Amino acid sequence: MKRTLLPLIVLLAWTASAEARSRAADYLVAEQIAEACNGGRGTIEPAGVIERDLTGDGAADLIIAHEAIACTGGGHTGRSLFCGMQVCSVHFYVRRGPLLQPVLEMLGGGVAVGPGDVPDISMYAHGGSEGSVRWNGRTFD
């Protein structure tokens, strides 16, 4: 009985998190999947889409981590085309009005957002070294 419930719970958790995203975030996620999969089909794990206030202005911003993208057919299968051996592209967007504007793209993995109004965003780089970025009023630094 427990084995049959686990896939259902995972599916419900994924659906709930995907439904909770804004339309702007859904659009950008679909765009990134299409690029990552060379125009083909793909999916993204919920952990690869972080939509919350990162700048302290009360509006939800967005991070898309390519390490969470899996391409399932069409132009490319496997990991995102924007992943290397250790890290992948991570895209940062800031909400300006109804739109999410791109402000930074960098390489990283294991993206995690800390607590606070202007949180530290930690990740690892090539070789496993740890680092973080934080909104400085203009960009993530």
N, C-alpha and C. Protein backbone atom coordinates (compact mmCIF):
# COMPACT_ATOMS: atom_id res chain seq x y z
N MET A 1 0.82 -1.19 0.00
CA MET A 1 0.00 0.00 0.00
C MET A 1 0.86 1.26 0.00
N LYS A 2 1.93 1.27 0.79
CA LYS A 2 2.80 2.44 0.85
C LYS A 2 3.45 2.72 -0.49
N ARG A 3 3.82 1.68 -1.23
CA ARG A 3 4.46 1.86 -2.53
C ARG A 3 3.53 2.53 -3.54
N THR A 4 2.25 2.24 -3.47
CA THR A 4 1.32 2.83 -4.43
C THR A 4 1.00 4.28 -4.09
N LEU A 5 1.12 4.67 -2.84
CA LEU A 5 0.83 6.05 -2.45
C LEU A 5 1.97 7.00 -2.75
N LEU A 6 3.20 6.53 -2.71
CA LEU A 6 4.34 7.42 -2.91
C LEU A 6 4.31 8.13 -4.26
N PRO A 7 4.10 7.42 -5.40
CA PRO A 7 4.04 8.16 -6.67
C PRO A 7 2.91 9.19 -6.71
N LEU A 8 1.79 8.87 -6.08
CA LEU A 8 0.67 9.80 -6.05
C LEU A 8 1.04 11.05 -5.25
N ILE A 9 1.71 10.87 -4.11
CA ILE A 9 2.12 12.00 -3.29
C ILE A 9 3.11 12.88 -4.04
N VAL A 10 4.07 12.26 -4.71
CA VAL A 10 5.06 13.02 -5.49
C VAL A 10 4.37 13.80 -6.59
N LEU A 11 3.44 13.16 -7.30
CA LEU A 11 2.71 13.83 -8.38
C LEU A 11 1.91 15.01 -7.84
N LEU A 12 1.24 14.83 -6.72
CA LEU A 12 0.45 15.92 -6.14
C LEU A 12 1.34 17.06 -5.69
N ALA A 13 2.48 16.76 -5.10
CA ALA A 13 3.41 17.82 -4.68
C ALA A 13 3.92 18.59 -5.88
N TRP A 14 4.27 17.89 -6.96
CA TRP A 14 4.76 18.55 -8.17
C TRP A 14 3.67 19.43 -8.77
N THR A 15 2.45 18.90 -8.86
CA THR A 15 1.35 19.65 -9.44
C THR A 15 1.04 20.89 -8.62
N ALA A 16 1.02 20.76 -7.29
CA ALA A 16 0.72 21.90 -6.43
C ALA A 16 1.76 22.99 -6.61
N SER A 17 3.05 22.64 -6.68
CA SER A 17 4.08 23.65 -6.81
C SER A 17 4.04 24.29 -8.19
N ALA A 18 3.76 23.51 -9.24
CA ALA A 18 3.68 24.06 -10.58
C ALA A 18 2.49 25.00 -10.70
N GLU A 19 1.36 24.64 -10.08
CA GLU A 19 0.18 25.49 -10.15
C GLU A 19 0.37 26.78 -9.38
N ALA A 20 1.23 26.78 -8.38
CA ALA A 20 1.43 27.95 -7.54
C ALA A 20 2.28 29.01 -8.23
N ARG A 21 2.94 28.67 -9.33
CA ARG A 21 3.79 29.64 -10.02
C ARG A 21 2.94 30.67 -10.76
N SER A 22 3.53 31.85 -10.91
CA SER A 22 2.86 32.91 -11.68
C SER A 22 2.90 32.55 -13.17
N ARG A 23 2.07 33.21 -13.94
CA ARG A 23 2.07 32.98 -15.39
C ARG A 23 3.39 33.41 -16.01
N ALA A 24 3.97 34.50 -15.49
CA ALA A 24 5.26 34.96 -16.00
C ALA A 24 6.34 33.91 -15.74
N ALA A 25 6.33 33.30 -14.55
CA ALA A 25 7.31 32.25 -14.24
C ALA A 25 7.08 31.03 -15.12
N ASP A 26 5.82 30.63 -15.31
CA ASP A 26 5.52 29.48 -16.18
C ASP A 26 6.06 29.71 -17.59
N TYR A 27 5.87 30.92 -18.11
CA TYR A 27 6.34 31.26 -19.45
C TYR A 27 7.87 31.12 -19.53
N LEU A 28 8.58 31.69 -18.55
CA LEU A 28 10.04 31.64 -18.56
C LEU A 28 10.56 30.23 -18.36
N VAL A 29 9.90 29.43 -17.53
CA VAL A 29 10.30 28.04 -17.34
C VAL A 29 10.15 27.29 -18.66
N ALA A 30 9.02 27.46 -19.34
CA ALA A 30 8.81 26.79 -20.63
C ALA A 30 9.87 27.22 -21.64
N GLU A 31 10.20 28.50 -21.65
CA GLU A 31 11.22 29.02 -22.56
C GLU A 31 12.59 28.39 -22.26
N GLN A 32 12.95 28.29 -20.98
CA GLN A 32 14.24 27.70 -20.61
C GLN A 32 14.29 26.21 -20.93
N ILE A 33 13.18 25.50 -20.73
CA ILE A 33 13.15 24.08 -21.08
C ILE A 33 13.34 23.90 -22.58
N ALA A 34 12.67 24.72 -23.38
CA ALA A 34 12.80 24.62 -24.84
C ALA A 34 14.25 24.87 -25.27
N GLU A 35 14.90 25.87 -24.68
CA GLU A 35 16.30 26.14 -25.02
C GLU A 35 17.20 25.01 -24.55
N ALA A 36 16.96 24.53 -23.34
CA ALA A 36 17.79 23.47 -22.75
C ALA A 36 17.68 22.17 -23.53
N CYS A 37 16.54 21.96 -24.17
CA CYS A 37 16.28 20.71 -24.87
C CYS A 37 16.31 20.89 -26.39
N ASN A 38 16.94 21.97 -26.85
CA ASN A 38 17.10 22.23 -28.28
C ASN A 38 15.76 22.19 -29.01
N GLY A 39 14.76 22.80 -28.40
CA GLY A 39 13.43 22.85 -29.01
C GLY A 39 12.57 21.63 -28.73
N GLY A 40 13.13 20.64 -28.06
CA GLY A 40 12.38 19.42 -27.76
C GLY A 40 11.61 19.53 -26.46
N ARG A 41 11.09 18.40 -26.02
CA ARG A 41 10.30 18.35 -24.79
C ARG A 41 11.21 18.14 -23.58
N GLY A 42 10.69 18.54 -22.43
CA GLY A 42 11.44 18.34 -21.20
C GLY A 42 10.60 18.66 -19.99
N THR A 43 11.16 18.39 -18.84
CA THR A 43 10.50 18.69 -17.58
C THR A 43 11.50 19.38 -16.66
N ILE A 44 10.98 19.97 -15.60
CA ILE A 44 11.84 20.57 -14.58
C ILE A 44 11.35 20.13 -13.22
N GLU A 45 12.27 19.74 -12.37
CA GLU A 45 11.92 19.38 -11.01
C GLU A 45 11.51 20.65 -10.26
N PRO A 46 10.57 20.55 -9.34
CA PRO A 46 10.12 21.75 -8.61
C PRO A 46 11.26 22.49 -7.91
N ALA A 47 12.27 21.80 -7.43
CA ALA A 47 13.38 22.46 -6.74
C ALA A 47 14.16 23.39 -7.66
N GLY A 48 14.04 23.23 -8.96
CA GLY A 48 14.76 24.07 -9.92
C GLY A 48 14.07 25.37 -10.25
N VAL A 49 12.89 25.60 -9.67
CA VAL A 49 12.14 26.84 -9.89
C VAL A 49 11.85 27.45 -8.53
N ILE A 50 12.50 28.57 -8.26
CA ILE A 50 12.31 29.24 -6.97
C ILE A 50 11.68 30.59 -7.26
N GLU A 51 10.44 30.77 -6.84
CA GLU A 51 9.75 32.03 -7.05
C GLU A 51 9.39 32.60 -5.67
N ARG A 52 10.15 33.59 -5.27
CA ARG A 52 9.89 34.29 -4.00
C ARG A 52 10.61 35.63 -4.02
N ASP A 53 10.31 36.48 -3.07
CA ASP A 53 10.93 37.80 -3.01
C ASP A 53 12.41 37.65 -2.66
N LEU A 54 13.26 38.05 -3.58
CA LEU A 54 14.71 37.98 -3.38
C LEU A 54 15.33 39.37 -3.19
N THR A 55 14.56 40.42 -3.49
CA THR A 55 15.10 41.78 -3.47
C THR A 55 14.57 42.64 -2.33
N GLY A 56 13.62 42.12 -1.56
CA GLY A 56 13.08 42.86 -0.43
C GLY A 56 12.02 43.88 -0.78
N ASP A 57 11.48 43.82 -2.01
CA ASP A 57 10.46 44.80 -2.40
C ASP A 57 9.04 44.27 -2.26
N GLY A 58 8.88 43.04 -1.79
CA GLY A 58 7.56 42.45 -1.61
C GLY A 58 7.01 41.71 -2.82
N ALA A 59 7.69 41.77 -3.96
CA ALA A 59 7.24 41.09 -5.18
C ALA A 59 8.07 39.81 -5.39
N ALA A 60 7.41 38.77 -5.88
CA ALA A 60 8.09 37.50 -6.10
C ALA A 60 9.01 37.58 -7.31
N ASP A 61 10.29 37.25 -7.09
CA ASP A 61 11.29 37.18 -8.15
C ASP A 61 11.44 35.71 -8.54
N LEU A 62 12.42 35.37 -9.38
CA LEU A 62 12.50 34.01 -9.90
C LEU A 62 13.94 33.57 -10.11
N ILE A 63 14.20 32.31 -9.77
CA ILE A 63 15.45 31.63 -10.12
C ILE A 63 15.07 30.36 -10.86
N ILE A 64 15.74 30.11 -11.98
CA ILE A 64 15.58 28.85 -12.71
C ILE A 64 16.95 28.19 -12.79
N ALA A 65 17.06 26.98 -12.23
CA ALA A 65 18.32 26.23 -12.21
C ALA A 65 18.24 25.10 -13.23
N HIS A 66 19.10 25.14 -14.22
CA HIS A 66 19.08 24.14 -15.29
C HIS A 66 19.42 22.73 -14.81
N GLU A 67 20.04 22.58 -13.66
CA GLU A 67 20.34 21.23 -13.16
C GLU A 67 19.07 20.43 -12.93
N ALA A 68 17.93 21.09 -12.83
CA ALA A 68 16.65 20.42 -12.58
C ALA A 68 15.91 20.07 -13.86
N ILE A 69 16.47 20.41 -15.01
CA ILE A 69 15.80 20.15 -16.29
C ILE A 69 16.25 18.81 -16.86
N ALA A 70 15.27 18.03 -17.28
CA ALA A 70 15.52 16.76 -17.97
C ALA A 70 14.82 16.81 -19.32
N CYS A 71 15.57 16.59 -20.38
CA CYS A 71 15.02 16.60 -21.73
C CYS A 71 14.56 15.19 -22.09
N THR A 72 13.35 15.10 -22.65
CA THR A 72 12.74 13.79 -22.87
C THR A 72 12.48 13.43 -24.32
N GLY A 73 12.91 14.24 -25.23
CA GLY A 73 12.70 13.86 -26.62
C GLY A 73 12.73 15.06 -27.54
N GLY A 74 12.63 14.79 -28.79
CA GLY A 74 12.68 15.85 -29.78
C GLY A 74 14.11 16.19 -30.11
N GLY A 75 14.50 17.42 -29.83
CA GLY A 75 15.81 17.91 -30.19
C GLY A 75 16.96 17.35 -29.36
N HIS A 76 16.69 16.91 -28.13
CA HIS A 76 17.78 16.48 -27.23
C HIS A 76 17.19 15.65 -26.10
N THR A 77 17.91 14.64 -25.65
CA THR A 77 17.49 13.89 -24.48
C THR A 77 18.61 13.90 -23.45
N GLY A 78 18.24 13.81 -22.18
CA GLY A 78 19.21 13.83 -21.09
C GLY A 78 19.18 15.16 -20.36
N ARG A 79 20.32 15.54 -19.81
CA ARG A 79 20.42 16.80 -19.07
C ARG A 79 20.29 18.01 -19.98
N SER A 80 20.06 19.15 -19.37
CA SER A 80 20.01 20.41 -20.10
C SER A 80 21.30 20.60 -20.91
N LEU A 81 21.18 21.18 -22.08
CA LEU A 81 22.35 21.51 -22.88
C LEU A 81 23.23 22.54 -22.19
N PHE A 82 22.69 23.21 -21.16
CA PHE A 82 23.43 24.25 -20.44
C PHE A 82 24.02 23.72 -19.14
N CYS A 83 24.29 22.42 -19.12
CA CYS A 83 24.97 21.78 -17.98
C CYS A 83 26.31 21.24 -18.45
N GLY A 84 27.31 21.41 -17.61
CA GLY A 84 28.60 20.81 -17.86
C GLY A 84 28.75 19.57 -16.99
N MET A 85 29.97 19.20 -16.73
CA MET A 85 30.22 18.02 -15.90
C MET A 85 29.83 18.24 -14.44
N GLN A 86 29.94 19.48 -13.95
CA GLN A 86 29.69 19.73 -12.53
C GLN A 86 28.58 20.73 -12.25
N VAL A 87 28.43 21.72 -13.07
CA VAL A 87 27.47 22.79 -12.80
C VAL A 87 26.65 23.10 -14.04
N CYS A 88 25.58 23.86 -13.83
CA CYS A 88 24.66 24.23 -14.91
C CYS A 88 24.35 25.72 -14.83
N SER A 89 23.72 26.23 -15.86
CA SER A 89 23.28 27.63 -15.86
C SER A 89 22.21 27.84 -14.79
N VAL A 90 22.31 28.98 -14.12
CA VAL A 90 21.31 29.41 -13.16
C VAL A 90 20.89 30.82 -13.58
N HIS A 91 19.60 31.01 -13.80
CA HIS A 91 19.07 32.29 -14.29
C HIS A 91 18.32 33.00 -13.16
N PHE A 92 18.61 34.29 -12.99
CA PHE A 92 17.97 35.13 -11.97
C PHE A 92 17.12 36.18 -12.68
N TYR A 93 15.87 36.32 -12.21
CA TYR A 93 14.95 37.30 -12.76
C TYR A 93 14.40 38.14 -11.60
N VAL A 94 14.21 39.43 -11.85
CA VAL A 94 13.63 40.34 -10.87
C VAL A 94 12.30 40.84 -11.42
N ARG A 95 11.29 40.84 -10.56
CA ARG A 95 9.98 41.32 -10.99
C ARG A 95 9.98 42.84 -11.03
N ARG A 96 9.58 43.34 -12.21
CA ARG A 96 9.40 44.78 -12.41
C ARG A 96 8.02 44.95 -13.01
N GLY A 97 7.07 45.37 -12.16
CA GLY A 97 5.67 45.41 -12.58
C GLY A 97 5.20 43.97 -12.77
N PRO A 98 4.46 43.71 -13.85
CA PRO A 98 3.96 42.35 -14.07
C PRO A 98 5.00 41.41 -14.71
N LEU A 99 6.15 41.96 -15.10
CA LEU A 99 7.14 41.17 -15.83
C LEU A 99 8.30 40.74 -14.94
N LEU A 100 8.90 39.63 -15.30
CA LEU A 100 10.14 39.16 -14.68
C LEU A 100 11.26 39.46 -15.66
N GLN A 101 12.19 40.32 -15.25
CA GLN A 101 13.29 40.74 -16.12
C GLN A 101 14.56 39.99 -15.76
N PRO A 102 15.30 39.47 -16.76
CA PRO A 102 16.57 38.79 -16.45
C PRO A 102 17.62 39.79 -15.94
N VAL A 103 18.33 39.40 -14.87
CA VAL A 103 19.37 40.28 -14.34
C VAL A 103 20.72 39.59 -14.19
N LEU A 104 20.73 38.25 -14.18
CA LEU A 104 22.00 37.54 -14.02
C LEU A 104 21.87 36.11 -14.48
N GLU A 105 22.91 35.62 -15.14
CA GLU A 105 23.04 34.20 -15.45
C GLU A 105 24.44 33.80 -15.00
N MET A 106 24.51 32.71 -14.25
CA MET A 106 25.81 32.22 -13.78
C MET A 106 25.77 30.70 -13.74
N LEU A 107 26.94 30.10 -13.52
CA LEU A 107 27.04 28.65 -13.39
C LEU A 107 27.02 28.27 -11.93
N GLY A 108 26.27 27.22 -11.61
CA GLY A 108 26.21 26.75 -10.23
C GLY A 108 25.37 25.51 -10.12
N GLY A 109 25.25 25.02 -8.90
CA GLY A 109 24.44 23.86 -8.60
C GLY A 109 24.01 23.89 -7.16
N GLY A 110 22.99 23.11 -6.83
CA GLY A 110 22.52 23.04 -5.46
C GLY A 110 22.02 24.36 -4.93
N VAL A 111 21.27 25.10 -5.73
CA VAL A 111 20.81 26.44 -5.35
C VAL A 111 19.86 26.34 -4.15
N ALA A 112 20.11 27.17 -3.15
CA ALA A 112 19.26 27.25 -1.96
C ALA A 112 19.13 28.70 -1.53
N VAL A 113 17.92 29.09 -1.19
CA VAL A 113 17.65 30.46 -0.76
C VAL A 113 17.47 30.47 0.75
N GLY A 114 18.22 31.35 1.41
CA GLY A 114 18.16 31.46 2.85
C GLY A 114 16.98 32.30 3.31
N PRO A 115 16.87 32.50 4.62
CA PRO A 115 15.78 33.30 5.18
C PRO A 115 16.06 34.80 5.04
N GLY A 116 15.04 35.59 5.31
CA GLY A 116 15.20 37.03 5.36
C GLY A 116 14.54 37.75 4.21
N ASP A 117 14.41 39.07 4.37
CA ASP A 117 13.79 39.90 3.34
C ASP A 117 14.64 39.99 2.08
N VAL A 118 15.96 40.05 2.26
CA VAL A 118 16.91 40.02 1.15
C VAL A 118 17.85 38.85 1.45
N PRO A 119 17.46 37.65 1.03
CA PRO A 119 18.18 36.44 1.46
C PRO A 119 19.49 36.21 0.72
N ASP A 120 20.39 35.48 1.37
CA ASP A 120 21.56 34.94 0.69
C ASP A 120 21.10 33.76 -0.15
N ILE A 121 21.65 33.66 -1.34
CA ILE A 121 21.34 32.55 -2.24
C ILE A 121 22.63 31.77 -2.40
N SER A 122 22.67 30.57 -1.85
CA SER A 122 23.90 29.80 -1.88
C SER A 122 23.85 28.74 -2.96
N MET A 123 25.03 28.36 -3.43
CA MET A 123 25.19 27.31 -4.43
C MET A 123 26.65 26.90 -4.46
N TYR A 124 26.94 25.84 -5.19
CA TYR A 124 28.33 25.44 -5.35
C TYR A 124 28.77 25.72 -6.78
N ALA A 125 30.09 25.87 -6.94
CA ALA A 125 30.70 26.18 -8.23
C ALA A 125 31.53 24.98 -8.69
N HIS A 126 32.27 25.15 -9.77
CA HIS A 126 33.17 24.09 -10.24
C HIS A 126 34.08 23.64 -9.11
N GLY A 127 34.29 22.37 -9.00
CA GLY A 127 35.15 21.82 -7.96
C GLY A 127 34.48 21.71 -6.61
N GLY A 128 33.21 22.11 -6.51
CA GLY A 128 32.48 21.98 -5.27
C GLY A 128 32.63 23.13 -4.30
N SER A 129 33.39 24.18 -4.68
CA SER A 129 33.53 25.31 -3.77
C SER A 129 32.17 25.99 -3.58
N GLU A 130 31.92 26.44 -2.36
CA GLU A 130 30.64 27.06 -2.03
C GLU A 130 30.72 28.57 -2.18
N GLY A 131 29.61 29.16 -2.55
CA GLY A 131 29.53 30.60 -2.67
C GLY A 131 28.10 31.05 -2.51
N SER A 132 27.91 32.36 -2.53
CA SER A 132 26.56 32.88 -2.44
C SER A 132 26.49 34.23 -3.14
N VAL A 133 25.27 34.59 -3.51
CA VAL A 133 24.99 35.90 -4.07
C VAL A 133 23.84 36.51 -3.28
N ARG A 134 23.72 37.82 -3.38
CA ARG A 134 22.67 38.55 -2.66
C ARG A 134 22.36 39.81 -3.44
N TRP A 135 21.11 40.23 -3.44
CA TRP A 135 20.69 41.44 -4.12
C TRP A 135 21.35 42.65 -3.48
N ASN A 136 21.97 43.52 -4.30
CA ASN A 136 22.65 44.70 -3.75
C ASN A 136 21.92 46.00 -4.09
N GLY A 137 20.72 45.90 -4.61
CA GLY A 137 19.95 47.08 -5.00
C GLY A 137 19.89 47.29 -6.50
N ARG A 138 20.83 46.66 -7.23
CA ARG A 138 20.87 46.75 -8.69
C ARG A 138 20.93 45.38 -9.35
N THR A 139 21.66 44.46 -8.72
CA THR A 139 21.83 43.13 -9.28
C THR A 139 22.21 42.16 -8.16
N PHE A 140 22.42 40.92 -8.51
CA PHE A 140 22.88 39.94 -7.53
C PHE A 140 24.40 39.95 -7.54
N ASP A 141 25.00 40.09 -6.38
CA ASP A 141 26.44 40.27 -6.25
C ASP A 141 27.01 39.25 -5.28
